[in-house]
Amino acid sequence: MALGPVLDDEREDRAHRPWWETRPFVAAVILLSMVPLLYPPIPPLVDLFGHMGRYRVQLDLHNSPWLSQYYGFHWAAIGNLGVDLLVMPLGRLIGLEPAVKLIVLAIPPMTVAGFLWVAREVHHRLPPTALFALPFAYSHPFMFGFVNFALSVALAFLAFGLWLRLGRLGKLRLRAMLFVPISIVVFFAHTFGWGMLGLLCFSAEAVRQHDEGRSWWRSGINAALHASVMALPLFIMLAWRSEAHGGMTRGWFDWDYKWTYIKQALRDRWKWFDLASVAAVGLVLLTAIAVRRLTFSRNLLFTAMVLTVGFVILPRTVFGSTYADMRLLPYVLATAVLAIRFHGPTHLPLARVLAILGLGFYAIRLGGTTVSMALAANDQKAELEALDHVPMGARVGWITDELSCGHGWRLPTNSHLGAMVIVRRHGFSNDQWVIEGLNLLDLKYRAAGKFASDPSQITRPSWCRGRGGWFVNAALYQFPRDKFDYLWMIDPPPFNPVYVEGLTPVWRNGRSILYRLD
């Protein structure tokens, strides 16, 4: 009997939704998040090119007479397989490079959709302030090329939206059954995303339990029991780590780095632009505190606080995976912004202003990211013309510049560009990560010595002092010419030309140069 009036109320509510809550608008902002990635043939994300080298090995190792000389590959149940698994069928279907672009292109809209779904479930409508969280789909971790992590976070927020919805509808048994396989999928995408999903669901369930009249202590216990349905990957992880003996954990409570990560939450190319964007997000949060008409959802605010504790506790490196705490920070800020709502009924004049400002902020960030990626893509396209002069299976040692002695702001998008030797020439490149338990690539060609793996390709000019590092002149002096066929210098730091005497240049592009080793 009551169903009819409820449906009538919902239809009336839909008919009077403000423009930022309409389905066409939501679909538009989700699709707009793909714009920065449409032009580049390969997303110019820092680490992505190194990952693509590994993808080529896993796809073609047994079909390539060259790759099998340099690399091996073994599958294992590790929590870092998101894009690796997707590339296998899609890469064989449409080719590796289009497959990578398509997969990475899907991550920002999935992230934006997850943000908006969470906000809708918590507030029962879409607050205009949620638009200020959307630029975090292109946060520092994503721009750095942590694609497995970024994919797992996108999945985690989508799953969190489902968790909230099923909890709101009281379908707890169905939720428990669904989140066993969901947690496994997120875990295999990346362990950190699974951990974040657990924190999100635990904190939200604790608030829901407390809202039903239970004490915080009892609510926490009940929430832990509900979230325990996602614990199965813990046993997979224990088995994985028992077989992996490498991968250090270090950098606990390094406050200087943590403060830097806050400022770098939207780091890309222009420091003033990125810092101003983070400051704008901070201003939105302060406005929500200062303006009486605005407040925070206890649900998402508590979730943001739990994530903040995770950020504080996490070390800088976990199991050999660097920037562990940095990866979490942008999503702490995004969750805090998503928590903002109106105190009482929506005040439409203020809501319209906030919606316009939020949409403008989102558009400006997307525009800046689009230009930045286009610039990087054009630069990389010009650099990759060198591969036209490299034969199949060649051993290519390469070096590039650690920008501004490691103190620069612009992301070093060419730090793994040389891995395209593996992707397009099935050759050897000295930039692959060799950390046990971190990925599934095995290094066979160890004759290159110091130039066998990452970070041998990243060098510094001779005047950089104080932090140590791999100086370009020392690298060129120690370069084992008899172990390589080519030396490729991609926008290198200034160096002493005496160290390249006797090498035959076969291609140039500005400061970049490809030498043949006769």
Protein backbone atom coordinates (compact mmCIF):
# COMPACT_ATOMS: atom_id res chain seq x y z
CA MET A 1 0.00 0.00 0.00
CA ALA A 2 2.85 2.39 0.80
CA LEU A 3 4.81 1.58 -2.37
CA GLY A 4 2.74 3.84 -4.62
CA PRO A 5 3.26 7.05 -2.63
CA VAL A 6 7.00 6.28 -2.30
CA LEU A 7 7.37 5.87 -6.07
CA ASP A 8 5.36 9.06 -6.62
CA ASP A 9 7.69 10.93 -4.26
CA GLU A 10 10.75 9.59 -6.09
CA ARG A 11 9.33 10.63 -9.47
CA GLU A 12 8.53 14.08 -8.12
CA ASP A 13 12.03 14.34 -6.68
CA ARG A 14 13.55 13.43 -10.07
CA ALA A 15 11.39 16.00 -11.81
CA HIS A 16 12.67 18.77 -9.56
CA ARG A 17 16.35 17.82 -9.45
CA PRO A 18 18.80 20.69 -10.00
CA TRP A 19 20.90 20.41 -13.14
CA TRP A 20 23.97 18.97 -11.41
CA GLU A 21 21.94 15.99 -10.20
CA THR A 22 20.42 15.03 -13.54
CA ARG A 23 21.51 11.84 -15.25
CA PRO A 24 22.63 13.57 -18.49
CA PHE A 25 24.89 15.89 -16.50
CA VAL A 26 26.36 13.04 -14.44
CA ALA A 27 26.99 11.02 -17.61
CA ALA A 28 28.64 14.06 -19.20
CA VAL A 29 31.09 14.70 -16.35
CA ILE A 30 32.00 11.01 -16.30
CA LEU A 31 32.69 10.96 -20.04
CA LEU A 32 34.56 14.29 -19.90
CA SER A 33 37.14 12.67 -17.64
CA MET A 34 38.47 10.78 -20.69
CA VAL A 35 39.33 13.94 -22.65
CA PRO A 36 42.98 14.32 -21.53
CA LEU A 37 43.77 10.78 -22.71
CA LEU A 38 42.10 10.94 -26.13
CA TYR A 39 44.92 12.60 -28.08
CA PRO A 40 48.06 10.77 -26.86
CA PRO A 41 48.59 7.46 -28.72
CA ILE A 42 50.12 6.15 -25.48
CA PRO A 43 49.10 7.77 -22.17
CA PRO A 44 52.22 9.75 -21.15
CA LEU A 45 52.30 8.48 -17.57
CA VAL A 46 55.74 8.19 -15.97
CA ASP A 47 56.00 4.47 -15.16
CA LEU A 48 53.55 3.20 -17.77
CA PHE A 49 56.20 2.69 -20.47
CA GLY A 50 58.21 0.45 -18.16
CA HIS A 51 55.08 -1.58 -17.46
CA MET A 52 54.47 -1.85 -21.20
CA GLY A 53 57.87 -3.47 -21.60
CA ARG A 54 56.74 -6.15 -19.15
CA TYR A 55 53.41 -6.52 -20.96
CA ARG A 56 55.29 -7.19 -24.21
CA VAL A 57 57.35 -9.89 -22.54
CA GLN A 58 54.32 -11.64 -21.06
CA LEU A 59 52.51 -11.49 -24.41
CA ASP A 60 55.29 -12.55 -26.78
CA LEU A 61 58.03 -14.22 -24.75
CA HIS A 62 57.45 -17.65 -26.29
CA ASN A 63 57.04 -16.28 -29.82
CA SER A 64 60.06 -14.00 -29.92
CA PRO A 65 63.61 -15.32 -30.44
CA TRP A 66 64.97 -12.10 -28.94
CA LEU A 67 62.89 -11.56 -25.83
CA SER A 68 63.60 -15.07 -24.58
CA GLN A 69 67.33 -14.24 -24.54
CA TYR A 70 66.86 -11.25 -22.25
CA TYR A 71 63.84 -11.92 -20.06
CA GLY A 72 61.76 -14.59 -18.42
CA PHE A 73 58.25 -14.45 -17.04
CA HIS A 74 56.39 -16.46 -14.43
CA TRP A 75 52.79 -16.11 -13.35
CA ALA A 76 52.03 -15.99 -9.63
CA ALA A 77 49.08 -14.99 -7.43
CA ILE A 78 50.29 -11.54 -6.38
CA GLY A 79 48.27 -8.43 -5.58
CA ASN A 80 49.56 -6.37 -8.49
CA LEU A 81 48.03 -7.80 -11.67
CA GLY A 82 45.24 -5.43 -12.69
CA VAL A 83 46.31 -4.18 -16.11
CA ASP A 84 48.64 -7.18 -16.63
CA LEU A 85 45.65 -9.54 -16.69
CA LEU A 86 43.50 -7.28 -18.87
CA VAL A 87 46.29 -6.84 -21.41
CA MET A 88 46.53 -10.57 -22.10
CA PRO A 89 43.24 -11.02 -24.00
CA LEU A 90 42.89 -7.44 -25.22
CA GLY A 91 46.50 -7.15 -26.40
CA ARG A 92 46.15 -10.28 -28.53
CA LEU A 93 42.89 -8.96 -29.94
CA ILE A 94 43.79 -5.38 -30.90
CA GLY A 95 47.54 -5.07 -30.23
CA LEU A 96 49.47 -4.05 -27.13
CA GLU A 97 49.57 -0.28 -27.52
CA PRO A 98 45.85 0.17 -28.35
CA ALA A 99 44.98 -2.23 -25.53
CA VAL A 100 47.00 -0.24 -22.99
CA LYS A 101 45.43 3.02 -24.13
CA LEU A 102 41.91 1.57 -23.92
CA ILE A 103 42.46 0.16 -20.42
CA VAL A 104 44.06 3.31 -19.04
CA LEU A 105 41.40 5.45 -20.75
CA ALA A 106 38.76 3.62 -18.70
CA ILE A 107 40.33 4.34 -15.30
CA PRO A 108 39.43 8.07 -14.85
CA PRO A 109 35.71 7.65 -15.76
CA MET A 110 35.49 4.64 -13.46
CA THR A 111 37.03 6.72 -10.67
CA VAL A 112 34.69 9.66 -11.28
CA ALA A 113 31.68 7.32 -11.41
CA GLY A 114 32.79 5.76 -8.12
CA PHE A 115 33.13 9.17 -6.45
CA LEU A 116 29.69 10.27 -7.60
CA TRP A 117 28.01 7.00 -6.64
CA VAL A 118 29.47 7.16 -3.13
CA ALA A 119 28.29 10.76 -2.72
CA ARG A 120 24.80 9.86 -3.99
CA GLU A 121 24.45 6.91 -1.63
CA VAL A 122 25.66 8.80 1.44
CA HIS A 123 23.71 12.03 0.90
CA HIS A 124 20.73 10.50 -0.98
CA ARG A 125 21.34 13.15 -3.57
CA LEU A 126 24.37 14.65 -5.32
CA PRO A 127 25.75 17.69 -3.48
CA PRO A 128 27.27 20.31 -5.81
CA THR A 129 30.50 20.26 -3.81
CA ALA A 130 31.17 16.69 -5.05
CA LEU A 131 32.38 18.25 -8.31
CA PHE A 132 35.48 19.54 -6.49
CA ALA A 133 36.56 15.92 -5.83
CA LEU A 134 36.50 14.84 -9.48
CA PRO A 135 39.96 16.18 -10.50
CA PHE A 136 41.48 13.59 -8.17
CA ALA A 137 40.80 11.06 -10.94
CA TYR A 138 44.04 12.52 -12.34
CA SER A 139 45.89 12.59 -9.04
CA HIS A 140 49.63 12.31 -8.57
CA PRO A 141 49.63 8.48 -8.31
CA PHE A 142 47.72 8.13 -11.58
CA MET A 143 49.95 10.62 -13.39
CA PHE A 144 52.99 8.74 -12.12
CA GLY A 145 51.74 5.67 -13.93
CA PHE A 146 50.72 3.49 -10.99
CA VAL A 147 48.06 2.02 -13.25
CA ASN A 148 47.38 -1.19 -11.33
CA PHE A 149 46.91 0.84 -8.18
CA ALA A 150 44.73 3.44 -9.92
CA LEU A 151 42.57 0.68 -11.42
CA SER A 152 42.16 -0.95 -8.02
CA VAL A 153 41.12 2.36 -6.44
CA ALA A 154 38.54 2.97 -9.18
CA LEU A 155 37.16 -0.51 -8.54
CA ALA A 156 37.27 0.10 -4.77
CA PHE A 157 35.14 3.27 -4.96
CA LEU A 158 32.64 1.59 -7.28
CA ALA A 159 32.48 -1.35 -4.88
CA PHE A 160 32.13 1.05 -1.95
CA GLY A 161 29.12 2.64 -3.64
CA LEU A 162 27.56 -0.81 -3.95
CA TRP A 163 28.39 -1.60 -0.30
CA LEU A 164 26.64 1.60 0.82
CA ARG A 165 23.61 0.94 -1.36
CA LEU A 166 23.10 -2.62 -0.19
CA GLY A 167 23.55 -1.50 3.41
CA ARG A 168 20.98 1.26 2.95
CA LEU A 169 18.52 -1.23 1.49
CA GLY A 170 19.17 -3.69 4.31
CA LYS A 171 20.42 -6.42 1.94
CA LEU A 172 23.26 -7.43 4.23
CA ARG A 173 23.29 -11.13 3.36
CA LEU A 174 23.46 -10.39 -0.38
CA ARG A 175 26.20 -7.85 0.33
CA ALA A 176 28.24 -10.42 2.25
CA MET A 177 27.99 -12.92 -0.61
CA LEU A 178 28.88 -10.39 -3.31
CA PHE A 179 31.87 -8.89 -1.55
CA VAL A 180 33.78 -12.15 -1.28
CA PRO A 181 34.47 -12.25 -5.06
CA ILE A 182 34.57 -8.44 -5.32
CA SER A 183 37.34 -8.24 -2.73
CA ILE A 184 39.34 -10.87 -4.62
CA VAL A 185 39.03 -8.93 -7.89
CA VAL A 186 40.15 -5.68 -6.23
CA PHE A 187 43.02 -7.47 -4.46
CA PHE A 188 44.42 -8.93 -7.67
CA ALA A 189 44.17 -5.51 -9.30
CA HIS A 190 46.39 -4.14 -6.51
CA THR A 191 46.80 -4.89 -2.83
CA PHE A 192 46.55 -1.24 -1.81
CA GLY A 193 43.15 -0.88 -3.46
CA TRP A 194 41.89 -3.90 -1.53
CA GLY A 195 43.20 -2.41 1.71
CA MET A 196 41.51 0.89 0.91
CA LEU A 197 38.25 -0.88 0.16
CA GLY A 198 38.41 -2.59 3.54
CA LEU A 199 38.95 0.73 5.32
CA LEU A 200 36.13 2.40 3.39
CA CYS A 201 33.62 -0.35 4.12
CA PHE A 202 34.63 -0.80 7.75
CA SER A 203 34.34 2.89 8.60
CA ALA A 204 31.01 3.32 6.81
CA GLU A 205 29.56 0.23 8.47
CA ALA A 206 30.72 1.43 11.90
CA VAL A 207 28.79 4.69 11.43
CA ARG A 208 25.72 2.80 10.19
CA GLN A 209 25.83 0.55 13.22
CA HIS A 210 26.19 3.55 15.55
CA ASP A 211 23.27 5.29 13.87
CA GLU A 212 21.15 2.29 14.78
CA GLY A 213 21.77 3.00 18.47
CA ARG A 214 24.80 0.85 19.29
CA SER A 215 27.83 2.10 21.19
CA TRP A 216 30.94 2.98 19.21
CA TRP A 217 32.75 0.00 20.69
CA ARG A 218 30.01 -2.41 19.65
CA SER A 219 29.65 -0.68 16.30
CA GLY A 220 33.36 -1.16 15.61
CA ILE A 221 33.19 -4.87 16.43
CA ASN A 222 30.11 -5.37 14.25
CA ALA A 223 31.67 -3.39 11.41
CA ALA A 224 34.79 -5.55 11.57
CA LEU A 225 32.65 -8.67 11.37
CA HIS A 226 30.75 -7.33 8.36
CA ALA A 227 34.00 -6.31 6.62
CA SER A 228 35.60 -9.69 7.37
CA VAL A 229 33.87 -11.12 4.28
CA MET A 230 36.69 -9.37 2.38
CA ALA A 231 39.46 -11.11 4.35
CA LEU A 232 40.07 -14.03 1.99
CA PRO A 233 42.78 -12.17 0.02
CA LEU A 234 44.72 -11.89 3.29
CA PHE A 235 45.54 -15.60 3.06
CA ILE A 236 46.54 -15.20 -0.60
CA MET A 237 48.84 -12.34 0.40
CA LEU A 238 50.43 -14.33 3.22
CA ALA A 239 51.18 -17.17 0.81
CA TRP A 240 52.55 -14.71 -1.76
CA ARG A 241 54.82 -12.96 0.74
CA SER A 242 56.07 -16.26 2.17
CA GLU A 243 57.42 -17.11 -1.30
CA ALA A 244 58.94 -13.66 -1.92
CA HIS A 245 62.07 -12.80 0.02
CA GLY A 246 62.78 -9.40 -1.53
CA GLY A 247 61.02 -6.08 -1.34
CA MET A 248 61.95 -4.00 1.66
CA THR A 249 59.59 -1.98 3.84
CA ARG A 250 60.98 1.33 5.08
CA GLY A 251 60.34 5.06 5.53
CA TRP A 252 58.10 5.05 8.59
CA PHE A 253 56.70 8.40 9.80
CA ASP A 254 58.76 10.53 7.43
CA TRP A 255 56.90 13.79 8.05
CA ASP A 256 58.83 15.84 5.50
CA TYR A 257 57.76 13.48 2.73
CA LYS A 258 54.19 13.29 3.98
CA TRP A 259 53.86 17.08 3.98
CA THR A 260 55.29 17.14 0.46
CA TYR A 261 52.76 14.57 -0.70
CA ILE A 262 49.91 16.81 0.48
CA LYS A 263 51.19 19.62 -1.72
CA GLN A 264 51.74 17.18 -4.61
CA ALA A 265 48.28 15.59 -4.52
CA LEU A 266 47.54 16.98 -8.03
CA ARG A 267 51.13 17.22 -9.26
CA ASP A 268 51.63 17.22 -13.02
CA ARG A 269 53.59 19.91 -14.89
CA TRP A 270 53.08 23.49 -13.65
CA LYS A 271 53.81 23.96 -9.96
CA TRP A 272 51.75 27.14 -9.54
CA PHE A 273 48.74 25.51 -11.21
CA ASP A 274 48.92 22.30 -9.20
CA LEU A 275 49.53 24.03 -5.87
CA ALA A 276 46.70 26.48 -6.53
CA SER A 277 44.40 23.54 -7.27
CA VAL A 278 45.23 21.83 -3.98
CA ALA A 279 44.74 25.15 -2.21
CA ALA A 280 41.32 25.48 -3.86
CA VAL A 281 40.33 22.08 -2.48
CA GLY A 282 41.54 23.18 0.95
CA LEU A 283 39.46 26.35 0.64
CA VAL A 284 36.37 24.28 -0.15
CA LEU A 285 36.93 22.20 2.99
CA LEU A 286 37.42 25.35 5.09
CA THR A 287 34.25 26.84 3.59
CA ALA A 288 32.31 23.76 4.63
CA ILE A 289 33.55 24.32 8.18
CA ALA A 290 32.89 28.05 8.25
CA VAL A 291 29.52 28.34 6.46
CA ARG A 292 26.59 27.37 8.66
CA ARG A 293 24.50 26.07 5.79
CA LEU A 294 27.16 23.42 5.07
CA THR A 295 28.32 20.49 7.13
CA PHE A 296 29.93 17.06 6.72
CA SER A 297 28.38 13.62 6.51
CA ARG A 298 29.46 11.72 9.62
CA ASN A 299 29.73 8.62 7.47
CA LEU A 300 32.26 9.94 4.94
CA LEU A 301 34.00 12.24 7.43
CA PHE A 302 34.73 9.25 9.63
CA THR A 303 35.87 7.37 6.53
CA ALA A 304 38.23 10.23 5.64
CA MET A 305 39.59 10.18 9.18
CA VAL A 306 40.25 6.43 8.98
CA LEU A 307 42.04 6.90 5.66
CA THR A 308 44.07 9.73 7.21
CA VAL A 309 45.23 7.39 9.96
CA GLY A 310 46.22 4.93 7.24
CA PHE A 311 48.21 7.66 5.47
CA VAL A 312 50.02 8.55 8.69
CA ILE A 313 50.83 4.95 9.59
CA LEU A 314 51.86 3.71 6.13
CA PRO A 315 55.61 3.81 5.43
CA ARG A 316 57.02 5.23 2.24
CA THR A 317 57.95 1.81 0.83
CA VAL A 318 55.99 -1.42 1.35
CA PHE A 319 57.34 -4.74 0.00
CA GLY A 320 59.56 -2.81 -2.42
CA SER A 321 56.64 -0.72 -3.71
CA THR A 322 57.61 2.93 -3.31
CA TYR A 323 55.30 5.86 -2.51
CA ALA A 324 52.88 3.67 -0.55
CA ASP A 325 51.64 6.53 1.64
CA MET A 326 51.65 9.05 -1.21
CA ARG A 327 49.19 6.91 -3.17
CA LEU A 328 46.58 7.12 -0.43
CA LEU A 329 46.66 10.87 0.24
CA PRO A 330 44.70 12.21 -2.81
CA TYR A 331 41.82 9.87 -2.01
CA VAL A 332 41.78 11.09 1.59
CA LEU A 333 41.20 14.60 0.25
CA ALA A 334 38.63 13.40 -2.29
CA THR A 335 36.67 11.54 0.40
CA ALA A 336 36.70 14.59 2.67
CA VAL A 337 35.28 16.72 -0.16
CA LEU A 338 32.66 14.09 -0.95
CA ALA A 339 31.58 14.27 2.70
CA ILE A 340 30.37 17.89 2.36
CA ARG A 341 26.60 18.39 2.31
CA PHE A 342 23.97 20.95 3.23
CA HIS A 343 22.89 21.20 6.83
CA GLY A 344 19.18 20.66 6.33
CA PRO A 345 17.40 21.32 3.02
CA THR A 346 19.52 22.38 0.05
CA HIS A 347 19.85 26.15 -0.18
CA LEU A 348 19.50 26.51 -3.93
CA PRO A 349 21.17 29.94 -4.41
CA LEU A 350 24.32 28.77 -2.60
CA ALA A 351 24.11 25.34 -4.24
CA ARG A 352 24.03 26.86 -7.73
CA VAL A 353 27.12 28.98 -6.99
CA LEU A 354 28.97 25.95 -5.63
CA ALA A 355 27.93 23.82 -8.61
CA ILE A 356 29.18 26.45 -11.09
CA LEU A 357 32.45 26.86 -9.21
CA GLY A 358 32.88 23.09 -8.91
CA LEU A 359 32.20 22.51 -12.58
CA GLY A 360 34.59 25.33 -13.47
CA PHE A 361 37.31 23.84 -11.26
CA TYR A 362 36.82 20.43 -12.85
CA ALA A 363 36.92 21.90 -16.37
CA ILE A 364 40.04 23.96 -15.67
CA ARG A 365 41.89 20.97 -14.22
CA LEU A 366 40.83 18.80 -17.17
CA GLY A 367 41.95 21.50 -19.59
CA GLY A 368 45.35 21.84 -17.94
CA THR A 369 45.83 18.07 -17.85
CA THR A 370 44.82 17.80 -21.50
CA VAL A 371 47.40 20.38 -22.58
CA SER A 372 50.08 18.82 -20.40
CA MET A 373 49.48 15.34 -21.80
CA ALA A 374 49.43 16.64 -25.37
CA LEU A 375 52.81 18.35 -24.84
CA ALA A 376 54.28 15.19 -23.35
CA ALA A 377 52.83 13.02 -26.12
CA ASN A 378 54.28 15.24 -28.87
CA ASP A 379 57.69 15.16 -27.21
CA GLN A 380 57.61 11.38 -26.85
CA LYS A 381 56.48 10.88 -30.43
CA ALA A 382 59.53 12.81 -31.61
CA GLU A 383 61.86 10.83 -29.32
CA LEU A 384 60.47 7.47 -30.42
CA GLU A 385 61.46 8.15 -34.03
CA ALA A 386 64.88 6.87 -32.91
CA LEU A 387 63.45 3.35 -32.92
CA ASP A 388 63.22 3.51 -36.72
CA HIS A 389 67.02 3.13 -36.65
CA VAL A 390 67.09 0.22 -34.18
CA PRO A 391 66.86 -3.35 -35.54
CA MET A 392 64.76 -6.07 -33.96
CA GLY A 393 66.29 -7.69 -30.90
CA ALA A 394 68.91 -4.96 -30.33
CA ARG A 395 70.43 -4.40 -26.90
CA VAL A 396 69.86 -0.72 -26.15
CA GLY A 397 71.32 0.99 -23.12
CA TRP A 398 69.80 4.38 -22.58
CA ILE A 399 69.98 7.31 -20.19
CA THR A 400 67.86 10.35 -19.50
CA ASP A 401 67.91 13.32 -17.14
CA GLU A 402 66.61 13.34 -13.57
CA LEU A 403 64.91 16.70 -13.92
CA SER A 404 66.32 19.59 -11.83
CA CYS A 405 68.56 17.28 -9.82
CA GLY A 406 65.52 15.50 -8.46
CA HIS A 407 64.00 18.71 -7.04
CA GLY A 408 61.85 19.68 -10.02
CA TRP A 409 58.08 19.77 -10.11
CA ARG A 410 57.27 18.61 -13.64
CA LEU A 411 56.82 14.87 -13.69
CA PRO A 412 59.68 13.08 -15.54
CA THR A 413 57.43 11.53 -18.19
CA ASN A 414 60.41 10.10 -20.13
CA SER A 415 61.87 8.16 -17.20
CA HIS A 416 60.87 4.82 -18.75
CA LEU A 417 60.40 5.79 -22.39
CA GLY A 418 63.32 3.58 -23.42
CA ALA A 419 61.24 0.51 -22.58
CA MET A 420 59.60 1.03 -25.96
CA VAL A 421 62.68 -0.80 -27.26
CA ILE A 422 61.10 -3.90 -25.71
CA VAL A 423 57.59 -3.01 -26.89
CA ARG A 424 58.41 -2.24 -30.53
CA ARG A 425 61.74 -3.96 -31.16
CA HIS A 426 61.66 -6.97 -28.79
CA GLY A 427 65.05 -5.78 -27.62
CA PHE A 428 66.76 -5.26 -24.29
CA SER A 429 66.32 -2.04 -22.30
CA ASN A 430 68.00 -1.23 -19.00
CA ASP A 431 64.95 0.23 -17.23
CA GLN A 432 62.91 -2.76 -16.00
CA TRP A 433 62.24 -3.21 -12.29
CA VAL A 434 63.87 -6.28 -10.77
CA ILE A 435 62.31 -6.58 -7.31
CA GLU A 436 61.24 -9.99 -6.10
CA GLY A 437 57.55 -10.21 -5.33
CA LEU A 438 56.76 -6.85 -6.96
CA ASN A 439 56.16 -8.09 -10.50
CA LEU A 440 56.50 -11.26 -12.52
CA LEU A 441 59.38 -10.34 -14.85
CA ASP A 442 62.66 -12.26 -14.63
CA LEU A 443 65.93 -10.78 -15.87
CA LYS A 444 68.15 -13.15 -17.83
CA TYR A 445 70.60 -10.71 -19.40
CA ARG A 446 72.80 -9.76 -16.47
CA ALA A 447 75.98 -9.20 -18.44
CA ALA A 448 75.12 -5.49 -18.52
CA GLY A 449 76.05 -5.20 -14.83
CA LYS A 450 74.98 -1.86 -13.42
CA PHE A 451 73.08 -1.22 -16.65
CA ALA A 452 70.88 -4.29 -16.32
CA SER A 453 67.81 -2.67 -14.73
CA ASP A 454 66.10 0.40 -13.28
CA PRO A 455 67.20 3.02 -12.23
CA SER A 456 70.41 2.84 -14.29
CA GLN A 457 68.74 4.95 -16.99
CA ILE A 458 68.15 7.97 -14.72
CA THR A 459 71.21 10.20 -14.45
CA ARG A 460 72.03 13.58 -12.97
CA PRO A 461 74.23 16.42 -14.19
CA SER A 462 77.65 16.72 -12.58
CA TRP A 463 76.74 19.84 -10.57
CA CYS A 464 73.98 18.09 -8.59
CA ARG A 465 75.35 17.53 -5.11
CA GLY A 466 74.09 16.71 -1.66
CA ARG A 467 71.81 13.78 -2.45
CA GLY A 468 74.18 11.41 -4.19
CA GLY A 469 72.88 9.71 -7.29
CA TRP A 470 74.00 8.41 -10.64
CA PHE A 471 75.95 11.17 -12.41
CA VAL A 472 75.90 11.24 -16.18
CA ASN A 473 79.67 11.36 -16.71
CA ALA A 474 80.20 8.44 -14.35
CA ALA A 475 77.44 6.51 -16.10
CA LEU A 476 78.97 7.08 -19.54
CA TYR A 477 82.45 6.20 -18.27
CA GLN A 478 81.18 2.89 -16.83
CA PHE A 479 78.85 2.06 -19.72
CA PRO A 480 79.79 -1.46 -20.98
CA ARG A 481 80.02 -0.87 -24.71
CA ASP A 482 80.72 -4.52 -25.48
CA LYS A 483 77.42 -5.57 -23.85
CA PHE A 484 75.15 -3.30 -25.90
CA ASP A 485 74.44 -2.57 -29.55
CA TYR A 486 73.22 1.02 -29.09
CA LEU A 487 73.43 3.89 -26.63
CA TRP A 488 70.30 6.05 -26.65
CA MET A 489 70.43 9.38 -24.83
CA ILE A 490 66.93 10.83 -24.36
CA ASP A 491 67.20 14.52 -23.48
CA PRO A 492 70.27 13.78 -21.33
CA PRO A 493 71.86 16.16 -18.84
CA PRO A 494 74.97 18.00 -20.04
CA PHE A 495 77.91 15.59 -20.27
CA ASN A 496 81.59 15.50 -21.24
CA PRO A 497 81.76 14.54 -24.95
CA VAL A 498 84.97 12.63 -24.36
CA TYR A 499 82.88 9.79 -22.98
CA VAL A 500 81.12 9.20 -26.32
CA GLU A 501 84.19 9.34 -28.53
CA GLY A 502 84.29 6.48 -31.00
CA LEU A 503 80.52 6.03 -31.05
CA THR A 504 78.62 6.43 -34.32
CA PRO A 505 75.60 8.78 -34.17
CA VAL A 506 72.71 7.50 -36.30
CA TRP A 507 69.88 9.81 -35.17
CA ARG A 508 69.44 13.15 -33.43
CA ASN A 509 66.56 15.18 -32.01
CA GLY A 510 67.69 18.30 -30.19
CA ARG A 511 69.77 17.07 -27.24
CA SER A 512 68.67 13.49 -27.77
CA ILE A 513 70.94 11.21 -29.77
CA LEU A 514 71.21 7.54 -30.70
CA TYR A 515 74.68 6.02 -31.04
CA ARG A 516 75.55 2.74 -32.69
CA LEU A 517 78.26 0.77 -30.91
CA ASP A 518 80.51 -0.68 -33.59
